[in-house]
Structures are given as C-alpha cells and as structure tokens.
Amino acid sequence: MPRHTKRPRYLLWFFLAVAATLVLLPESYGWSLRSQALSLCKPVLGWFSKGGDAGATASASRAAPNGTSPRGDDGKSNEEADRLRAELVRLQEENRQLRAQAGAAALPAEVARPKGASAKVIARQTLGTEPLLGLDRGLHDGVKKGDGVLFRGAVAGRVVSSADGAACMALVTHPGVTVSARLSEGRVEGVLSGGRTVDGERLCVFKAVGAKVQARPGEAVVTSGLDGSFPPGCWIGTVVSSERKGDLEWQILVRPAVSGPNLEAVFVVQELTPAEVPWPAKKK
C-alpha cells in the first residue's frame, strides 16, 4: 500500500486519541491541557476570529436592505424567518446585557475599579455540561488560575487554568466555580456556586446560614469580597426563590447576570485594593 494512503488514517487515529484523552482525563487536567493548546494555537485562533467577523460583515453587506435573499419566493420566507429569529436572539442578548449594566450601575461603588486586564474570547468549547471559554491572556499578562472574571461590571466566572499566552475560564454557572456573595438588601453573606438547572435554565445556588433569611424574588445578589478574587459590590444575579434546608441553612436560587457563552471580551481581575478599615484614634 502506498505511504500517502496511510497518513490520513494516522491523523484520524491521532485526533481520536486526543479527543478521548480530553474526555477521560479529570476535568482539572483537561483545563490545563486546553490552556496549553490555546497558548500554542493563539495566532491561528485570532486569525480565524477576525476572518469570521469579516465574513459576517461581507455577507451582511451583500444582503438586500430589507434582509431578504435574492432567491425565489420559497427561499424568501425561509430567509426572512431565519433573519427574524437571529434578530430576536440579538435583541434578547442586548436586553440582558443592558439590564446587567443597569443593575451594576445602580449598586453603590464600595471600592475603586480593580486592576486587571481586558481579554478577548478566542475559543469556545463544550465537552461537559458547561462551556469553557478560551482567553487571549495568560501567565505573561499576569492572568493566573483563580482570578475573577467580570463582564461590564457583573461577575462572569473564574479563570480555571492558565498557560503562557492563553487561559481558560468557566462561567459562574459551572458547578466547580464558587463566589463569596451576599444579599444586597438583607446583607446576609454566604457562598454561591453553579450547577443547578431548572426548566432548562442554568441557575446558581446561594447557600446562607441564619435563623431568619429574608430573600425576596428580584433582590440583587452581589459579591462580598471575602474570597479575594472580586471586589465587593459586583452584581452576580437576582434571587429567583429561597428555601429553608435546615435549622439555620438556607438555599437560594439565583439567576446569574452573565450566563451565556456568547461573550466577545471580558475583564480579568488581577489585583484588588484592600479596603480601608477606620480604626479608632489612640488615646494620648
């Protein structure tokens, strides 16, 4: 058999072995491998991202002013339906982002803007229940594992692994991501984590301890700043419902402000300004 006919088979087996390795390895090891792969493929991924944007722009410029296709009558209805569906998704995303921005702006600014780095999303991958986003910032930019990630001032997730030139982040809805949080009005503090699905919607679970916790639906949940990854007062989401699980334990479902993987750019928190605690003056 000629040698050139064996190469495609070798390549196929190689890619299958890589895919099987990523699936069978523990999730934490998979995050590290993805970060290393993103760091090596960062120039190529950036080129494809720009090419995709350019292609979409060119396609939009060739479309008719009313959004229809130059095909026959049967194709016009299908094209119009696809356009309306895409427009509906876009408007829903813009509405969600505007609500997140308005909610974050309405909260009191307790600390100054944290120091960090803006990062572009260069890859999206889903192998489990939650997607991982690849960022174009890594260890060389000061981005490390555990750093908090914000989107327009709202909590988006955490960095789960970092290589020299790229990193991977998981959304706040991921079951492995935890954030120190509190109720904005009740001031009850606790720990928020992902991993809950209700009627097909990804929600977070906020666990608090107290004899009486009043969490009304629609109340904002913000960061407490106790974990050292996020400044206090950043909007996480809104209360959906609350349930008492024990004598002092409460479980509160939270709809996150940032839950979709369709992010283009985020802000990675790298350094927080410590809060100034007023101490009483010493008596002379």
Protein backbone atom coordinates (compact mmCIF):
# COMPACT_ATOMS: atom_id res chain seq x y z
CA MET A 1 0.00 0.00 0.00
CA PRO A 2 1.40 3.46 -0.88
CA ARG A 3 2.61 5.51 2.04
CA HIS A 4 0.39 8.51 1.25
CA THR A 5 -2.77 6.46 1.85
CA LYS A 6 -1.75 5.66 5.43
CA ARG A 7 -1.27 9.26 6.54
CA PRO A 8 -4.98 10.17 6.74
CA ARG A 9 -5.56 7.12 8.92
CA TYR A 10 -2.70 8.10 11.22
CA LEU A 11 -4.09 11.62 11.51
CA LEU A 12 -7.56 10.27 12.23
CA TRP A 13 -6.29 7.99 14.97
CA PHE A 14 -4.23 10.84 16.41
CA PHE A 15 -7.22 13.20 16.69
CA LEU A 16 -9.38 10.41 18.13
CA ALA A 17 -6.72 9.73 20.75
CA VAL A 18 -6.53 13.41 21.68
CA ALA A 19 -10.33 13.67 21.97
CA ALA A 20 -10.50 10.51 24.10
CA THR A 21 -7.75 11.85 26.36
CA LEU A 22 -9.60 15.12 26.95
CA VAL A 23 -12.81 13.25 27.74
CA LEU A 24 -11.31 10.59 30.04
CA LEU A 25 -8.90 12.81 31.95
CA PRO A 26 -10.15 14.53 35.12
CA GLU A 27 -11.67 17.91 34.41
CA SER A 28 -8.87 19.88 36.07
CA TYR A 29 -6.23 18.18 33.88
CA GLY A 30 -8.36 18.88 30.83
CA TRP A 31 -8.44 22.58 31.68
CA SER A 32 -4.65 22.69 31.86
CA LEU A 33 -4.24 20.91 28.51
CA ARG A 34 -6.72 23.25 26.86
CA SER A 35 -4.82 26.28 28.15
CA GLN A 36 -1.55 24.92 26.74
CA ALA A 37 -3.23 24.16 23.40
CA LEU A 38 -4.80 27.62 23.26
CA SER A 39 -1.44 29.21 24.02
CA LEU A 40 0.17 27.35 21.09
CA CYS A 41 -2.73 27.98 18.69
CA LYS A 42 -3.41 31.56 19.76
CA PRO A 43 -2.25 33.22 16.47
CA VAL A 44 -4.32 30.84 14.36
CA LEU A 45 -7.42 31.24 16.52
CA GLY A 46 -7.10 35.00 16.39
CA TRP A 47 -6.84 34.90 12.61
CA PHE A 48 -9.95 32.71 12.30
CA SER A 49 -11.85 35.02 14.66
CA LYS A 50 -11.04 38.04 12.51
CA GLY A 51 -11.84 36.12 9.34
CA GLY A 52 -15.21 35.07 10.74
CA ASP A 53 -16.09 38.65 11.62
CA ALA A 54 -15.02 39.84 8.19
CA GLY A 55 -17.06 37.12 6.51
CA ALA A 56 -20.14 38.03 8.50
CA THR A 57 -19.69 41.70 7.63
CA ALA A 58 -19.27 40.93 3.94
CA SER A 59 -22.33 38.69 3.98
CA ALA A 60 -24.38 41.41 5.65
CA SER A 61 -23.23 43.99 3.12
CA ARG A 62 -24.33 41.76 0.25
CA ALA A 63 -27.80 41.28 1.72
CA ALA A 64 -30.72 43.32 0.48
CA PRO A 65 -31.85 46.35 2.54
CA ASN A 66 -34.99 44.56 3.73
CA GLY A 67 -33.00 41.49 4.86
CA THR A 68 -34.41 39.17 2.17
CA SER A 69 -32.44 36.88 -0.07
CA PRO A 70 -32.29 37.22 -3.88
CA ARG A 71 -33.66 33.68 -4.17
CA GLY A 72 -37.12 32.61 -5.28
CA ASP A 73 -40.39 33.03 -3.38
CA ASP A 74 -39.90 29.80 -1.42
CA GLY A 75 -36.47 30.91 -0.23
CA LYS A 76 -37.65 34.40 0.79
CA SER A 77 -39.93 33.16 3.56
CA ASN A 78 -37.24 30.88 4.99
CA GLU A 79 -34.64 33.62 4.80
CA GLU A 80 -36.95 36.11 6.48
CA ALA A 81 -37.79 33.65 9.28
CA ASP A 82 -34.10 32.97 9.90
CA ARG A 83 -33.37 36.69 9.95
CA LEU A 84 -36.16 37.39 12.43
CA ARG A 85 -35.01 34.57 14.71
CA ALA A 86 -31.44 35.87 14.64
CA GLU A 87 -32.67 39.40 15.33
CA LEU A 88 -34.75 38.16 18.28
CA VAL A 89 -31.73 36.40 19.80
CA ARG A 90 -29.62 39.52 19.32
CA LEU A 91 -32.22 41.77 20.95
CA GLN A 92 -32.63 39.40 23.88
CA GLU A 93 -28.87 39.37 24.42
CA GLU A 94 -28.67 43.16 24.25
CA ASN A 95 -31.58 43.46 26.68
CA ARG A 96 -29.88 41.09 29.13
CA GLN A 97 -26.58 42.98 28.89
CA LEU A 98 -28.31 46.34 29.37
CA ARG A 99 -30.13 45.02 32.45
CA ALA A 100 -26.86 43.71 33.82
CA GLN A 101 -25.16 47.03 33.19
CA ALA A 102 -28.02 48.99 34.75
CA GLY A 103 -28.12 46.74 37.79
CA ALA A 104 -24.39 47.03 38.33
CA ALA A 105 -24.55 50.80 37.96
CA ALA A 106 -27.37 51.06 40.49
CA LEU A 107 -25.29 49.38 43.19
CA PRO A 108 -23.10 51.57 45.39
CA ALA A 109 -19.45 51.66 44.44
CA GLU A 110 -17.72 50.37 47.57
CA VAL A 111 -14.20 50.23 46.19
CA ALA A 112 -12.27 51.72 43.31
CA ARG A 113 -12.04 49.98 39.96
CA PRO A 114 -9.85 46.89 40.38
CA LYS A 115 -6.65 46.43 38.45
CA GLY A 116 -6.69 43.81 35.74
CA ALA A 117 -6.50 43.09 32.05
CA SER A 118 -9.05 43.06 29.26
CA ALA A 119 -9.13 39.77 27.39
CA LYS A 120 -10.72 38.64 24.14
CA VAL A 121 -12.54 35.32 23.83
CA ILE A 122 -10.73 33.32 21.16
CA ALA A 123 -12.28 29.87 21.63
CA ARG A 124 -15.44 28.20 22.94
CA GLN A 125 -15.56 24.51 23.73
CA THR A 126 -18.20 22.30 25.32
CA LEU A 127 -17.25 18.77 26.36
CA GLY A 128 -19.31 18.52 29.55
CA THR A 129 -22.32 20.29 30.94
CA GLU A 130 -20.78 23.75 30.83
CA PRO A 131 -18.74 25.53 28.17
CA LEU A 132 -15.16 26.71 28.64
CA LEU A 133 -14.03 29.97 27.10
CA GLY A 134 -10.50 30.49 25.84
CA LEU A 135 -8.92 33.89 26.54
CA ASP A 136 -6.02 35.54 24.74
CA ARG A 137 -4.30 36.46 28.04
CA GLY A 138 -2.10 34.15 30.09
CA LEU A 139 0.70 33.99 32.61
CA HIS A 140 2.79 36.50 30.69
CA ASP A 141 -0.03 39.01 31.19
CA GLY A 142 -0.44 38.23 34.89
CA VAL A 143 -3.57 36.08 34.42
CA LYS A 144 -3.49 33.10 36.77
CA LYS A 145 -5.76 30.33 37.97
CA GLY A 146 -8.48 31.53 40.33
CA ASP A 147 -8.68 35.11 39.03
CA GLY A 148 -12.18 36.56 38.88
CA VAL A 149 -13.67 37.50 35.51
CA LEU A 150 -16.12 40.38 35.01
CA PHE A 151 -18.31 41.41 32.10
CA ARG A 152 -19.47 45.02 32.20
CA GLY A 153 -19.02 45.07 35.96
CA ALA A 154 -21.00 41.85 36.57
CA VAL A 155 -19.49 38.53 37.60
CA ALA A 156 -18.93 36.24 34.61
CA GLY A 157 -16.83 33.42 36.09
CA ARG A 158 -13.31 32.42 37.06
CA VAL A 159 -10.05 31.51 35.36
CA VAL A 160 -9.66 27.73 35.80
CA SER A 161 -6.26 27.29 34.12
CA SER A 162 -3.58 29.48 32.59
CA ALA A 163 -0.67 28.97 30.21
CA ASP A 164 1.97 31.39 28.93
CA GLY A 165 -0.13 33.12 26.30
CA ALA A 166 -3.72 31.98 26.94
CA ALA A 167 -6.12 30.90 29.67
CA CYS A 168 -9.42 29.08 30.15
CA MET A 169 -12.35 30.46 32.11
CA ALA A 170 -15.53 28.78 33.35
CA LEU A 171 -18.80 30.64 33.71
CA VAL A 172 -20.33 31.30 37.10
CA THR A 173 -22.95 28.61 36.32
CA HIS A 174 -20.25 25.92 36.31
CA PRO A 175 -20.57 23.59 39.35
CA GLY A 176 -16.85 23.99 40.10
CA VAL A 177 -16.99 27.80 40.39
CA THR A 178 -17.70 29.40 43.78
CA VAL A 179 -18.00 33.07 44.72
CA SER A 180 -18.34 34.71 48.12
CA ALA A 181 -21.62 36.61 47.94
CA ARG A 182 -24.28 38.42 49.95
CA LEU A 183 -27.79 39.75 49.57
CA SER A 184 -27.75 43.42 48.64
CA GLU A 185 -30.65 44.34 50.94
CA GLY A 186 -30.66 41.66 53.64
CA ARG A 187 -26.83 41.80 53.86
CA VAL A 188 -26.75 38.06 54.57
CA GLU A 189 -23.46 36.54 53.43
CA GLY A 190 -22.78 33.08 52.04
CA VAL A 191 -21.24 31.12 49.17
CA LEU A 192 -22.64 31.00 45.64
CA SER A 193 -21.94 28.16 43.21
CA GLY A 194 -23.27 26.90 39.88
CA GLY A 195 -24.59 23.57 38.75
CA ARG A 196 -28.37 23.85 39.03
CA THR A 197 -30.77 23.51 36.06
CA VAL A 198 -34.43 24.48 36.44
CA ASP A 199 -36.75 24.16 33.42
CA GLY A 200 -33.76 24.17 31.10
CA GLU A 201 -32.30 27.35 32.61
CA ARG A 202 -28.86 27.37 34.23
CA LEU A 203 -29.06 28.89 37.72
CA CYS A 204 -26.73 29.34 40.68
CA VAL A 205 -27.25 28.25 44.29
CA PHE A 206 -26.55 30.72 47.10
CA LYS A 207 -26.17 28.98 50.47
CA ALA A 208 -26.52 31.11 53.59
CA VAL A 209 -26.71 30.45 57.31
CA GLY A 210 -29.06 32.31 59.60
CA ALA A 211 -32.05 31.93 61.87
CA LYS A 212 -34.16 34.05 59.53
CA VAL A 213 -33.10 34.91 56.00
CA GLN A 214 -35.42 37.13 54.00
CA ALA A 215 -34.61 36.87 50.30
CA ARG A 216 -37.34 38.27 48.11
CA PRO A 217 -37.53 37.39 44.40
CA GLY A 218 -35.77 40.01 42.32
CA GLU A 219 -33.36 41.07 45.05
CA ALA A 220 -29.82 41.58 43.82
CA VAL A 221 -27.02 39.24 44.91
CA VAL A 222 -23.57 40.87 44.94
CA THR A 223 -20.02 39.86 45.77
CA SER A 224 -18.91 40.21 49.38
CA GLY A 225 -15.20 40.44 48.54
CA LEU A 226 -14.24 37.87 51.17
CA ASP A 227 -12.69 35.43 48.67
CA GLY A 228 -10.15 38.00 47.46
CA SER A 229 -10.99 37.45 43.78
CA PHE A 230 -13.74 40.02 43.28
CA PRO A 231 -14.22 43.47 44.79
CA PRO A 232 -17.30 43.80 47.00
CA GLY A 233 -20.48 45.07 45.38
CA CYS A 234 -20.17 43.45 41.93
CA TRP A 235 -23.53 42.24 40.66
CA ILE A 236 -23.85 38.45 40.39
CA GLY A 237 -27.56 37.99 39.70
CA THR A 238 -31.07 38.19 41.12
CA VAL A 239 -32.96 35.98 43.54
CA VAL A 240 -35.43 33.53 41.99
CA SER A 241 -36.61 31.67 45.08
CA SER A 242 -35.46 30.68 48.58
CA GLU A 243 -35.95 27.51 50.60
CA ARG A 244 -35.06 26.51 54.13
CA LYS A 245 -32.97 23.33 54.23
CA GLY A 246 -32.28 23.03 57.95
CA ASP A 247 -32.46 24.87 61.24
CA LEU A 248 -30.01 27.53 60.10
CA GLU A 249 -29.32 26.66 56.45
CA TRP A 250 -31.00 28.38 53.52
CA GLN A 251 -30.74 27.61 49.82
CA ILE A 252 -31.46 30.48 47.44
CA LEU A 253 -31.71 30.08 43.67
CA VAL A 254 -30.08 32.93 41.75
CA ARG A 255 -30.43 33.83 38.09
CA PRO A 256 -26.94 34.99 37.03
CA ALA A 257 -26.47 38.29 35.26
CA VAL A 258 -23.97 36.68 32.86
CA SER A 259 -24.78 33.12 31.84
CA GLY A 260 -24.39 32.78 28.08
CA PRO A 261 -21.12 31.74 26.43
CA ASN A 262 -21.53 34.29 23.61
CA LEU A 263 -19.07 36.77 25.12
CA GLU A 264 -16.56 38.60 22.99
CA ALA A 265 -14.43 40.29 25.65
CA VAL A 266 -14.13 40.18 29.45
CA PHE A 267 -12.14 41.81 32.24
CA VAL A 268 -9.85 39.65 34.40
CA VAL A 269 -9.38 40.95 37.95
CA GLN A 270 -5.71 40.69 38.91
CA GLU A 271 -5.19 42.99 41.87
CA LEU A 272 -7.61 44.34 44.43
CA THR A 273 -7.14 47.46 46.51
CA PRO A 274 -7.54 46.45 50.15
CA ALA A 275 -10.45 48.11 51.87
CA GLU A 276 -9.57 50.83 54.33
CA VAL A 277 -10.85 49.97 57.79
CA PRO A 278 -11.32 53.01 60.05
CA TRP A 279 -9.62 52.39 63.35
CA PRO A 280 -10.35 54.50 66.43
CA ALA A 281 -7.74 57.02 67.31
CA LYS A 282 -5.38 56.03 70.10
CA LYS A 283 -5.72 57.91 73.32
CA LYS A 284 -2.71 60.01 74.15
